[in-house]
């Protein structure tokens, strides 16, 4: 059993993928807990499509993809939250933004004729993350984790009693913007690991599973983080041994964990 776990660690590309992917899964689960409980579960899906479209446009004009995608996706996240808080139907807003972002990306690649690898951004290539890219991913995830810890009390209040929080402080807009910015950064960084079409799963599955098995918010956050990292690690090992796409394997493991949580939640409810 130990050999099955240790054997892939002999490969540098696997270790790099494991560390970077687990870091992304951790921060995605933490931030995703708040998005899920606030009813913005599909925000990650919409932002990933916007991110893909932005990266494709940047590649078509010869610009650095991630440096362009991060500010644009942060702006899109802020816009979506503003639309939702202003009374617009959040699901319709996300659906329209998702479709438009994906279409812009595909059309840009088609018109430019650039040698842009659609599959790497659509479906992810975490095993292809280079040693040079790893420090950037780890730095971004570390910054997101630190900001999350510092803003945790405010995020908690925003999630469960936004009106009370607004009455107590004049900085509600700042923390809403911060939460949307963290979501956007996670989506952009995660596009290269599990892909634009699958990154939203990291923001949804673990928090949704944890919420069905816990009673307190703190327990939900902690369990969500554990399930997110565990799902990624198991999915990555399965992809290695079974020669499966890494991103899809991670998502399928997350879906299986969620099915188990549904069953356990039903049993718990009966009792």
C-alpha atoms as a PDB file:
ATOM      1  CA  UNK A   1       0.000   0.000   0.000  1.00  0.00           C
ATOM      2  CA  UNK A   2       2.807   2.381   0.903  1.00  0.00           C
ATOM      3  CA  UNK A   3       4.547   1.592  -2.386  1.00  0.00           C
ATOM      4  CA  UNK A   4       1.440   2.642  -4.325  1.00  0.00           C
ATOM      5  CA  UNK A   5       1.557   6.000  -2.570  1.00  0.00           C
ATOM      6  CA  UNK A   6       5.320   6.485  -2.768  1.00  0.00           C
ATOM      7  CA  UNK A   7       6.045   5.291  -6.320  1.00  0.00           C
ATOM      8  CA  UNK A   8       4.655   8.368  -8.175  1.00  0.00           C
ATOM      9  CA  UNK A   9       6.637  10.652  -5.831  1.00  0.00           C
ATOM     10  CA  UNK A  10       9.807   9.583  -7.612  1.00  0.00           C
ATOM     11  CA  UNK A  11       8.722  11.753 -10.552  1.00  0.00           C
ATOM     12  CA  UNK A  12       9.318  15.484 -10.197  1.00  0.00           C
ATOM     13  CA  UNK A  13       6.358  16.397 -12.418  1.00  0.00           C
ATOM     14  CA  UNK A  14       4.020  14.421 -10.141  1.00  0.00           C
ATOM     15  CA  UNK A  15       5.331  16.067  -6.973  1.00  0.00           C
ATOM     16  CA  UNK A  16       4.956  19.499  -8.553  1.00  0.00           C
ATOM     17  CA  UNK A  17       1.394  18.702  -9.648  1.00  0.00           C
ATOM     18  CA  UNK A  18       0.540  17.286  -6.215  1.00  0.00           C
ATOM     19  CA  UNK A  19       1.778  20.316  -4.264  1.00  0.00           C
ATOM     20  CA  UNK A  20       0.353  22.938  -6.624  1.00  0.00           C
ATOM     21  CA  UNK A  21      -2.964  21.173  -7.149  1.00  0.00           C
ATOM     22  CA  UNK A  22      -3.506  20.503  -3.452  1.00  0.00           C
ATOM     23  CA  UNK A  23      -2.811  24.178  -2.707  1.00  0.00           C
ATOM     24  CA  UNK A  24      -5.380  25.283  -5.280  1.00  0.00           C
ATOM     25  CA  UNK A  25      -7.914  22.757  -3.966  1.00  0.00           C
ATOM     26  CA  UNK A  26      -7.409  24.038  -0.412  1.00  0.00           C
ATOM     27  CA  UNK A  27      -8.058  27.712  -1.107  1.00  0.00           C
ATOM     28  CA  UNK A  28     -10.853  26.867  -3.560  1.00  0.00           C
ATOM     29  CA  UNK A  29     -12.655  24.872  -0.874  1.00  0.00           C
ATOM     30  CA  UNK A  30     -12.278  27.658   1.699  1.00  0.00           C
ATOM     31  CA  UNK A  31     -13.580  30.435  -0.534  1.00  0.00           C
ATOM     32  CA  UNK A  32     -16.113  28.100  -2.136  1.00  0.00           C
ATOM     33  CA  UNK A  33     -17.755  27.493   1.238  1.00  0.00           C
ATOM     34  CA  UNK A  34     -18.897  31.108   1.375  1.00  0.00           C
ATOM     35  CA  UNK A  35     -19.982  31.178  -2.266  1.00  0.00           C
ATOM     36  CA  UNK A  36     -21.997  27.972  -1.853  1.00  0.00           C
ATOM     37  CA  UNK A  37     -23.767  29.076   1.317  1.00  0.00           C
ATOM     38  CA  UNK A  38     -24.546  32.484  -0.222  1.00  0.00           C
ATOM     39  CA  UNK A  39     -26.104  30.889  -3.312  1.00  0.00           C
ATOM     40  CA  UNK A  40     -23.296  31.816  -5.720  1.00  0.00           C
ATOM     41  CA  UNK A  41     -22.206  28.257  -6.484  1.00  0.00           C
ATOM     42  CA  UNK A  42     -22.116  28.864 -10.226  1.00  0.00           C
ATOM     43  CA  UNK A  43     -19.945  31.956  -9.915  1.00  0.00           C
ATOM     44  CA  UNK A  44     -16.831  29.861 -10.482  1.00  0.00           C
ATOM     45  CA  UNK A  45     -18.294  28.416 -13.668  1.00  0.00           C
ATOM     46  CA  UNK A  46     -19.049  31.843 -15.095  1.00  0.00           C
ATOM     47  CA  UNK A  47     -15.664  33.237 -14.115  1.00  0.00           C
ATOM     48  CA  UNK A  48     -13.821  30.265 -15.609  1.00  0.00           C
ATOM     49  CA  UNK A  49     -15.450  30.882 -18.980  1.00  0.00           C
ATOM     50  CA  UNK A  50     -14.601  34.570 -18.791  1.00  0.00           C
ATOM     51  CA  UNK A  51     -11.053  33.618 -17.853  1.00  0.00           C
ATOM     52  CA  UNK A  52     -10.783  31.290 -20.823  1.00  0.00           C
ATOM     53  CA  UNK A  53     -12.052  33.952 -23.199  1.00  0.00           C
ATOM     54  CA  UNK A  54      -9.617  36.509 -21.786  1.00  0.00           C
ATOM     55  CA  UNK A  55      -6.651  34.125 -21.989  1.00  0.00           C
ATOM     56  CA  UNK A  56      -7.535  33.280 -25.590  1.00  0.00           C
ATOM     57  CA  UNK A  57      -7.760  36.966 -26.567  1.00  0.00           C
ATOM     58  CA  UNK A  58      -4.467  37.705 -24.804  1.00  0.00           C
ATOM     59  CA  UNK A  59      -2.749  34.843 -26.620  1.00  0.00           C
ATOM     60  CA  UNK A  60      -4.185  36.029 -29.929  1.00  0.00           C
ATOM     61  CA  UNK A  61      -2.697  39.516 -29.524  1.00  0.00           C
ATOM     62  CA  UNK A  62       0.586  38.271 -28.067  1.00  0.00           C
ATOM     63  CA  UNK A  63       0.031  39.458 -24.486  1.00  0.00           C
ATOM     64  CA  UNK A  64       0.852  37.548 -21.288  1.00  0.00           C
ATOM     65  CA  UNK A  65      -2.344  35.491 -20.686  1.00  0.00           C
ATOM     66  CA  UNK A  66      -2.467  35.377 -16.889  1.00  0.00           C
ATOM     67  CA  UNK A  67      -1.480  39.002 -16.356  1.00  0.00           C
ATOM     68  CA  UNK A  68      -4.453  40.007 -18.511  1.00  0.00           C
ATOM     69  CA  UNK A  69      -6.881  37.391 -17.215  1.00  0.00           C
ATOM     70  CA  UNK A  70      -6.572  38.131 -13.489  1.00  0.00           C
ATOM     71  CA  UNK A  71      -7.771  41.789 -13.549  1.00  0.00           C
ATOM     72  CA  UNK A  72     -10.475  41.051 -16.124  1.00  0.00           C
ATOM     73  CA  UNK A  73     -11.865  38.088 -14.160  1.00  0.00           C
ATOM     74  CA  UNK A  74     -11.774  40.108 -10.921  1.00  0.00           C
ATOM     75  CA  UNK A  75     -13.845  42.787 -12.658  1.00  0.00           C
ATOM     76  CA  UNK A  76     -16.267  40.119 -13.924  1.00  0.00           C
ATOM     77  CA  UNK A  77     -16.619  38.671 -10.410  1.00  0.00           C
ATOM     78  CA  UNK A  78     -17.384  42.082  -8.973  1.00  0.00           C
ATOM     79  CA  UNK A  79     -19.912  42.732 -11.751  1.00  0.00           C
ATOM     80  CA  UNK A  80     -21.717  39.438 -11.112  1.00  0.00           C
ATOM     81  CA  UNK A  81     -21.989  40.099  -7.392  1.00  0.00           C
ATOM     82  CA  UNK A  82     -23.277  43.596  -8.068  1.00  0.00           C
ATOM     83  CA  UNK A  83     -25.909  42.247 -10.467  1.00  0.00           C
ATOM     84  CA  UNK A  84     -27.030  39.686  -7.918  1.00  0.00           C
ATOM     85  CA  UNK A  85     -27.232  42.183  -5.056  1.00  0.00           C
ATOM     86  CA  UNK A  86     -29.087  44.615  -7.303  1.00  0.00           C
ATOM     87  CA  UNK A  87     -31.949  42.200  -7.840  1.00  0.00           C
ATOM     88  CA  UNK A  88     -30.922  40.603 -11.114  1.00  0.00           C
ATOM     89  CA  UNK A  89     -31.233  36.844 -11.296  1.00  0.00           C
ATOM     90  CA  UNK A  90     -27.767  35.557 -10.494  1.00  0.00           C
ATOM     91  CA  UNK A  91     -28.196  32.300 -12.413  1.00  0.00           C
ATOM     92  CA  UNK A  92     -29.189  34.122 -15.605  1.00  0.00           C
ATOM     93  CA  UNK A  93     -26.282  36.542 -15.238  1.00  0.00           C
ATOM     94  CA  UNK A  94     -23.801  33.700 -14.800  1.00  0.00           C
ATOM     95  CA  UNK A  95     -25.259  31.757 -17.738  1.00  0.00           C
ATOM     96  CA  UNK A  96     -24.999  34.710 -20.086  1.00  0.00           C
ATOM     97  CA  UNK A  97     -21.490  35.585 -18.956  1.00  0.00           C
ATOM     98  CA  UNK A  98     -20.379  31.958 -19.302  1.00  0.00           C
ATOM     99  CA  UNK A  99     -21.694  31.621 -22.843  1.00  0.00           C
ATOM    100  CA  UNK A 100     -20.272  34.963 -23.949  1.00  0.00           C
ATOM    101  CA  UNK A 101     -16.849  34.302 -22.414  1.00  0.00           C
ATOM    102  CA  UNK A 102     -16.504  30.881 -24.019  1.00  0.00           C
ATOM    103  CA  UNK A 103     -17.668  32.185 -27.409  1.00  0.00           C
ATOM    104  CA  UNK A 104     -15.219  35.102 -27.322  1.00  0.00           C
ATOM    105  CA  UNK A 105     -12.364  32.704 -26.611  1.00  0.00           C
ATOM    106  CA  UNK A 106     -13.187  30.287 -29.412  1.00  0.00           C
ATOM    107  CA  UNK A 107     -13.780  33.058 -31.964  1.00  0.00           C
ATOM    108  CA  UNK A 108     -10.526  34.828 -30.993  1.00  0.00           C
ATOM    109  CA  UNK A 109      -8.494  31.675 -31.519  1.00  0.00           C
ATOM    110  CA  UNK A 110     -10.241  30.978 -34.821  1.00  0.00           C
ATOM    111  CA  UNK A 111      -9.716  34.482 -36.242  1.00  0.00           C
ATOM    112  CA  UNK A 112      -6.135  34.903 -35.078  1.00  0.00           C
ATOM    113  CA  UNK A 113      -4.917  31.524 -36.272  1.00  0.00           C
ATOM    114  CA  UNK A 114      -2.564  31.411 -33.293  1.00  0.00           C
ATOM    115  CA  UNK A 115      -1.200  28.095 -32.042  1.00  0.00           C
ATOM    116  CA  UNK A 116      -3.142  28.340 -28.787  1.00  0.00           C
ATOM    117  CA  UNK A 117      -3.683  25.082 -26.911  1.00  0.00           C
ATOM    118  CA  UNK A 118      -7.409  25.111 -26.210  1.00  0.00           C
ATOM    119  CA  UNK A 119      -7.372  21.763 -24.450  1.00  0.00           C
ATOM    120  CA  UNK A 120      -4.828  22.809 -21.822  1.00  0.00           C
ATOM    121  CA  UNK A 121      -7.069  25.649 -20.648  1.00  0.00           C
ATOM    122  CA  UNK A 122     -10.417  23.952 -21.212  1.00  0.00           C
ATOM    123  CA  UNK A 123      -9.599  20.615 -19.612  1.00  0.00           C
ATOM    124  CA  UNK A 124      -6.449  21.352 -17.621  1.00  0.00           C
ATOM    125  CA  UNK A 125      -2.974  19.869 -17.513  1.00  0.00           C
ATOM    126  CA  UNK A 126      -1.894  19.819 -13.876  1.00  0.00           C
ATOM    127  CA  UNK A 127       0.758  17.177 -14.614  1.00  0.00           C
ATOM    128  CA  UNK A 128       2.311  19.642 -17.062  1.00  0.00           C
ATOM    129  CA  UNK A 129       2.832  22.408 -14.486  1.00  0.00           C
ATOM    130  CA  UNK A 130       6.542  23.223 -14.713  1.00  0.00           C
ATOM    131  CA  UNK A 131       8.966  23.813 -11.865  1.00  0.00           C
ATOM    132  CA  UNK A 132       9.211  27.431 -13.008  1.00  0.00           C
ATOM    133  CA  UNK A 133       5.437  27.937 -12.738  1.00  0.00           C
ATOM    134  CA  UNK A 134       5.124  26.202  -9.365  1.00  0.00           C
ATOM    135  CA  UNK A 135       6.508  29.082  -7.231  1.00  0.00           C
ATOM    136  CA  UNK A 136       4.009  31.489  -8.794  1.00  0.00           C
ATOM    137  CA  UNK A 137       1.088  29.137  -8.090  1.00  0.00           C
ATOM    138  CA  UNK A 138       2.235  28.552  -4.508  1.00  0.00           C
ATOM    139  CA  UNK A 139       2.771  32.266  -3.909  1.00  0.00           C
ATOM    140  CA  UNK A 140      -0.724  33.116  -5.181  1.00  0.00           C
ATOM    141  CA  UNK A 141      -2.335  30.334  -3.128  1.00  0.00           C
ATOM    142  CA  UNK A 142      -0.386  31.401  -0.047  1.00  0.00           C
ATOM    143  CA  UNK A 143      -1.508  35.007  -0.486  1.00  0.00           C
ATOM    144  CA  UNK A 144      -5.143  33.938  -0.935  1.00  0.00           C
ATOM    145  CA  UNK A 145      -4.922  31.737   2.179  1.00  0.00           C
ATOM    146  CA  UNK A 146      -3.439  34.552   4.284  1.00  0.00           C
ATOM    147  CA  UNK A 147      -6.006  37.108   3.120  1.00  0.00           C
ATOM    148  CA  UNK A 148      -8.776  34.592   3.810  1.00  0.00           C
ATOM    149  CA  UNK A 149      -7.583  34.072   7.382  1.00  0.00           C
ATOM    150  CA  UNK A 150      -7.360  37.817   7.994  1.00  0.00           C
ATOM    151  CA  UNK A 151     -10.844  38.437   6.573  1.00  0.00           C
ATOM    152  CA  UNK A 152     -12.501  35.311   8.001  1.00  0.00           C
ATOM    153  CA  UNK A 153     -14.654  37.132  10.639  1.00  0.00           C
ATOM    154  CA  UNK A 154     -15.948  39.549   8.006  1.00  0.00           C
ATOM    155  CA  UNK A 155     -16.600  36.762   5.496  1.00  0.00           C
ATOM    156  CA  UNK A 156     -18.504  34.856   8.188  1.00  0.00           C
ATOM    157  CA  UNK A 157     -20.756  37.847   8.857  1.00  0.00           C
ATOM    158  CA  UNK A 158     -21.289  38.450   5.146  1.00  0.00           C
ATOM    159  CA  UNK A 159     -22.323  34.838   4.680  1.00  0.00           C
ATOM    160  CA  UNK A 160     -24.848  34.549   7.501  1.00  0.00           C
ATOM    161  CA  UNK A 161     -26.046  38.029   8.437  1.00  0.00           C
ATOM    162  CA  UNK A 162     -25.127  40.590   5.830  1.00  0.00           C
ATOM    163  CA  UNK A 163     -27.638  43.174   7.056  1.00  0.00           C
ATOM    164  CA  UNK A 164     -26.238  43.060  10.595  1.00  0.00           C
ATOM    165  CA  UNK A 165     -22.700  43.301   9.244  1.00  0.00           C
ATOM    166  CA  UNK A 166     -23.681  46.315   7.157  1.00  0.00           C
ATOM    167  CA  UNK A 167     -25.130  47.982  10.246  1.00  0.00           C
ATOM    168  CA  UNK A 168     -21.943  47.361  12.212  1.00  0.00           C
ATOM    169  CA  UNK A 169     -19.399  48.480   9.619  1.00  0.00           C
ATOM    170  CA  UNK A 170     -19.142  50.725   6.588  1.00  0.00           C
ATOM    171  CA  UNK A 171     -16.745  48.346   4.830  1.00  0.00           C
ATOM    172  CA  UNK A 172     -19.179  45.740   3.541  1.00  0.00           C
ATOM    173  CA  UNK A 173     -18.409  46.649  -0.058  1.00  0.00           C
ATOM    174  CA  UNK A 174     -14.690  46.203   0.528  1.00  0.00           C
ATOM    175  CA  UNK A 175     -15.083  42.684   1.900  1.00  0.00           C
ATOM    176  CA  UNK A 176     -17.538  41.688  -0.838  1.00  0.00           C
ATOM    177  CA  UNK A 177     -15.020  42.896  -3.391  1.00  0.00           C
ATOM    178  CA  UNK A 178     -12.231  41.018  -1.599  1.00  0.00           C
ATOM    179  CA  UNK A 179     -14.223  37.783  -1.632  1.00  0.00           C
ATOM    180  CA  UNK A 180     -14.988  38.161  -5.331  1.00  0.00           C
ATOM    181  CA  UNK A 181     -11.332  38.974  -6.074  1.00  0.00           C
ATOM    182  CA  UNK A 182     -10.147  35.856  -4.233  1.00  0.00           C
ATOM    183  CA  UNK A 183     -12.638  33.765  -6.217  1.00  0.00           C
ATOM    184  CA  UNK A 184     -11.380  35.251  -9.471  1.00  0.00           C
ATOM    185  CA  UNK A 185      -7.713  34.636  -8.657  1.00  0.00           C
ATOM    186  CA  UNK A 186      -8.428  31.013  -7.724  1.00  0.00           C
ATOM    187  CA  UNK A 187     -10.299  30.470 -10.985  1.00  0.00           C
ATOM    188  CA  UNK A 188      -7.527  31.938 -13.139  1.00  0.00           C
ATOM    189  CA  UNK A 189      -4.760  29.990 -11.391  1.00  0.00           C
ATOM    190  CA  UNK A 190      -6.855  26.813 -11.374  1.00  0.00           C
ATOM    191  CA  UNK A 191      -7.551  26.942 -15.109  1.00  0.00           C
ATOM    192  CA  UNK A 192      -4.153  25.427 -15.817  1.00  0.00           C
ATOM    193  CA  UNK A 193      -4.648  22.580 -13.334  1.00  0.00           C
ATOM    194  CA  UNK A 194      -8.181  21.228 -13.755  1.00  0.00           C
ATOM    195  CA  UNK A 195      -9.240  23.436 -16.656  1.00  0.00           C
ATOM    196  CA  UNK A 196     -11.748  26.205 -17.274  1.00  0.00           C
ATOM    197  CA  UNK A 197     -14.631  23.761 -17.657  1.00  0.00           C
ATOM    198  CA  UNK A 198     -13.896  21.943 -14.385  1.00  0.00           C
ATOM    199  CA  UNK A 199     -12.503  24.549 -11.967  1.00  0.00           C
ATOM    200  CA  UNK A 200     -15.951  25.389 -10.617  1.00  0.00           C
ATOM    201  CA  UNK A 201     -16.143  21.843  -9.250  1.00  0.00           C
ATOM    202  CA  UNK A 202     -13.344  22.663  -6.811  1.00  0.00           C
ATOM    203  CA  UNK A 203     -15.433  25.560  -5.532  1.00  0.00           C
ATOM    204  CA  UNK A 204     -18.632  23.528  -5.188  1.00  0.00           C
ATOM    205  CA  UNK A 205     -18.231  19.813  -4.406  1.00  0.00           C
ATOM    206  CA  UNK A 206     -16.199  19.941  -1.191  1.00  0.00           C
ATOM    207  CA  UNK A 207     -18.192  22.806   0.441  1.00  0.00           C
ATOM    208  CA  UNK A 208     -21.526  21.233  -0.524  1.00  0.00           C
ATOM    209  CA  UNK A 209     -20.436  17.858   0.857  1.00  0.00           C
ATOM    210  CA  UNK A 210     -19.125  19.363   4.090  1.00  0.00           C
ATOM    211  CA  UNK A 211     -22.282  21.397   4.662  1.00  0.00           C
ATOM    212  CA  UNK A 212     -24.350  18.188   4.742  1.00  0.00           C
ATOM    213  CA  UNK A 213     -22.170  16.557   7.379  1.00  0.00           C
ATOM    214  CA  UNK A 214     -21.563  19.381   9.860  1.00  0.00           C
ATOM    215  CA  UNK A 215     -23.586  21.680  12.064  1.00  0.00           C
ATOM    216  CA  UNK A 216     -21.276  24.633  12.719  1.00  0.00           C
ATOM    217  CA  UNK A 217     -19.803  26.957  10.135  1.00  0.00           C
ATOM    218  CA  UNK A 218     -16.243  26.484  11.370  1.00  0.00           C
ATOM    219  CA  UNK A 219     -16.602  22.712  11.096  1.00  0.00           C
ATOM    220  CA  UNK A 220     -17.962  23.142   7.572  1.00  0.00           C
ATOM    221  CA  UNK A 221     -14.961  25.239   6.531  1.00  0.00           C
ATOM    222  CA  UNK A 222     -12.443  22.796   8.015  1.00  0.00           C
ATOM    223  CA  UNK A 223     -14.119  19.698   6.588  1.00  0.00           C
ATOM    224  CA  UNK A 224     -14.512  21.405   3.216  1.00  0.00           C
ATOM    225  CA  UNK A 225     -10.771  22.091   3.101  1.00  0.00           C
ATOM    226  CA  UNK A 226      -9.961  18.494   4.045  1.00  0.00           C
ATOM    227  CA  UNK A 227     -12.349  17.026   1.477  1.00  0.00           C
ATOM    228  CA  UNK A 228     -11.091  19.376  -1.236  1.00  0.00           C
ATOM    229  CA  UNK A 229      -7.464  18.393  -0.739  1.00  0.00           C
ATOM    230  CA  UNK A 230      -8.312  14.705  -0.307  1.00  0.00           C
ATOM    231  CA  UNK A 231     -10.385  14.651  -3.507  1.00  0.00           C
ATOM    232  CA  UNK A 232      -7.564  16.225  -5.449  1.00  0.00           C
ATOM    233  CA  UNK A 233      -4.910  13.838  -4.109  1.00  0.00           C
ATOM    234  CA  UNK A 234      -7.027  10.734  -4.749  1.00  0.00           C
ATOM    235  CA  UNK A 235      -8.007  11.969  -8.210  1.00  0.00           C
ATOM    236  CA  UNK A 236      -4.394  12.701  -9.124  1.00  0.00           C
ATOM    237  CA  UNK A 237      -3.243   9.227  -8.053  1.00  0.00           C
ATOM    238  CA  UNK A 238      -6.077   7.607  -9.992  1.00  0.00           C
ATOM    239  CA  UNK A 239      -5.137   9.562 -13.101  1.00  0.00           C
ATOM    240  CA  UNK A 240      -1.517   8.437 -12.721  1.00  0.00           C
ATOM    241  CA  UNK A 241      -2.221   4.733 -12.308  1.00  0.00           C
ATOM    242  CA  UNK A 242      -5.168   4.488 -14.704  1.00  0.00           C
ATOM    243  CA  UNK A 243      -3.823   6.917 -17.350  1.00  0.00           C
ATOM    244  CA  UNK A 244      -6.874   9.177 -17.045  1.00  0.00           C
ATOM    245  CA  UNK A 245      -7.156  12.955 -17.516  1.00  0.00           C
ATOM    246  CA  UNK A 246      -6.114  14.481 -14.190  1.00  0.00           C
ATOM    247  CA  UNK A 247      -8.724  17.252 -14.073  1.00  0.00           C
ATOM    248  CA  UNK A 248     -11.651  14.959 -14.881  1.00  0.00           C
ATOM    249  CA  UNK A 249     -10.422  12.379 -12.358  1.00  0.00           C
ATOM    250  CA  UNK A 250     -10.328  14.989  -9.596  1.00  0.00           C
ATOM    251  CA  UNK A 251     -13.853  16.140 -10.389  1.00  0.00           C
ATOM    252  CA  UNK A 252     -15.220  12.575 -10.490  1.00  0.00           C
ATOM    253  CA  UNK A 253     -13.708  11.850  -7.081  1.00  0.00           C
ATOM    254  CA  UNK A 254     -15.303  15.047  -5.776  1.00  0.00           C
ATOM    255  CA  UNK A 255     -18.644  13.943  -7.205  1.00  0.00           C
ATOM    256  CA  UNK A 256     -18.290  10.518  -5.550  1.00  0.00           C
ATOM    257  CA  UNK A 257     -17.517  12.176  -2.205  1.00  0.00           C
ATOM    258  CA  UNK A 258     -20.610  14.313  -2.601  1.00  0.00           C
ATOM    259  CA  UNK A 259     -22.788  11.268  -3.282  1.00  0.00           C
ATOM    260  CA  UNK A 260     -21.451   9.668  -0.098  1.00  0.00           C
ATOM    261  CA  UNK A 261     -22.216  12.855   1.830  1.00  0.00           C
ATOM    262  CA  UNK A 262     -25.777  12.808   0.487  1.00  0.00           C
ATOM    263  CA  UNK A 263     -26.231   9.255   1.715  1.00  0.00           C
ATOM    264  CA  UNK A 264     -24.716   9.997   5.121  1.00  0.00           C
ATOM    265  CA  UNK A 265     -26.803  13.146   5.394  1.00  0.00           C
ATOM    266  CA  UNK A 266     -29.984  11.199   4.681  1.00  0.00           C
ATOM    267  CA  UNK A 267     -29.108   8.640   7.348  1.00  0.00           C
ATOM    268  CA  UNK A 268     -28.281  11.384   9.811  1.00  0.00           C
ATOM    269  CA  UNK A 269     -31.589  13.135   9.085  1.00  0.00           C
ATOM    270  CA  UNK A 270     -33.589   9.964   9.744  1.00  0.00           C
ATOM    271  CA  UNK A 271     -31.906   9.531  13.098  1.00  0.00           C
END
